[in-house]
Amino acid sequence: MSDNIRRLQRARTDDETTEEESDAESVDEVTCPECGGSLATDTEHGETVCEDCGLVIEEDSIDRGPEWRAFDSAEKDKKSRVGAPTTNMMHDKGLSTNIGWQDKDAYGNSLSNRQRQKMQRLRTWNERFRTRDSKE
């Protein structure tokens, strides 16, 4: 698993059960239904798994957080977008690449004949693999 793992623990005090998390989110179930082991959530991959037996409890969980970033209160009021949200419903997770039609490099210089042919092949494959919505 990655570094973005949240461990869930259950602490028992007398008749009262409290849940402690290393993150601010709350989860209803904090033990594995199979072995009773502790669960870990990998936010990068969107999975909740048992640390003991490896059972995947939840997969493809959705980040319900905001799709905008703000670094101060003025930016928070503006709520500027940082792009479309990623989705596990598409093979590329909703991320795409746009290859420009100009036959120029990043500095504005013309491409050689061989580089132009290569870029045309890349544009062709990019069009073939591009998804427009989750139904494709």
Foldseek 3Di string as FASTA:
>chain_A
DDPQKKWKDWDDDDPDIDIDIPDPDDDDDQADPPPRAGWMARVVQGWIAGPPPGHTPDGQDDDPDQQFDDDDPVVVVVRDGPDDQFGPLAPVRPDADDDDPAQADPVRHHDDPVSVVVSVVVVVVSVVRDDDDSVD
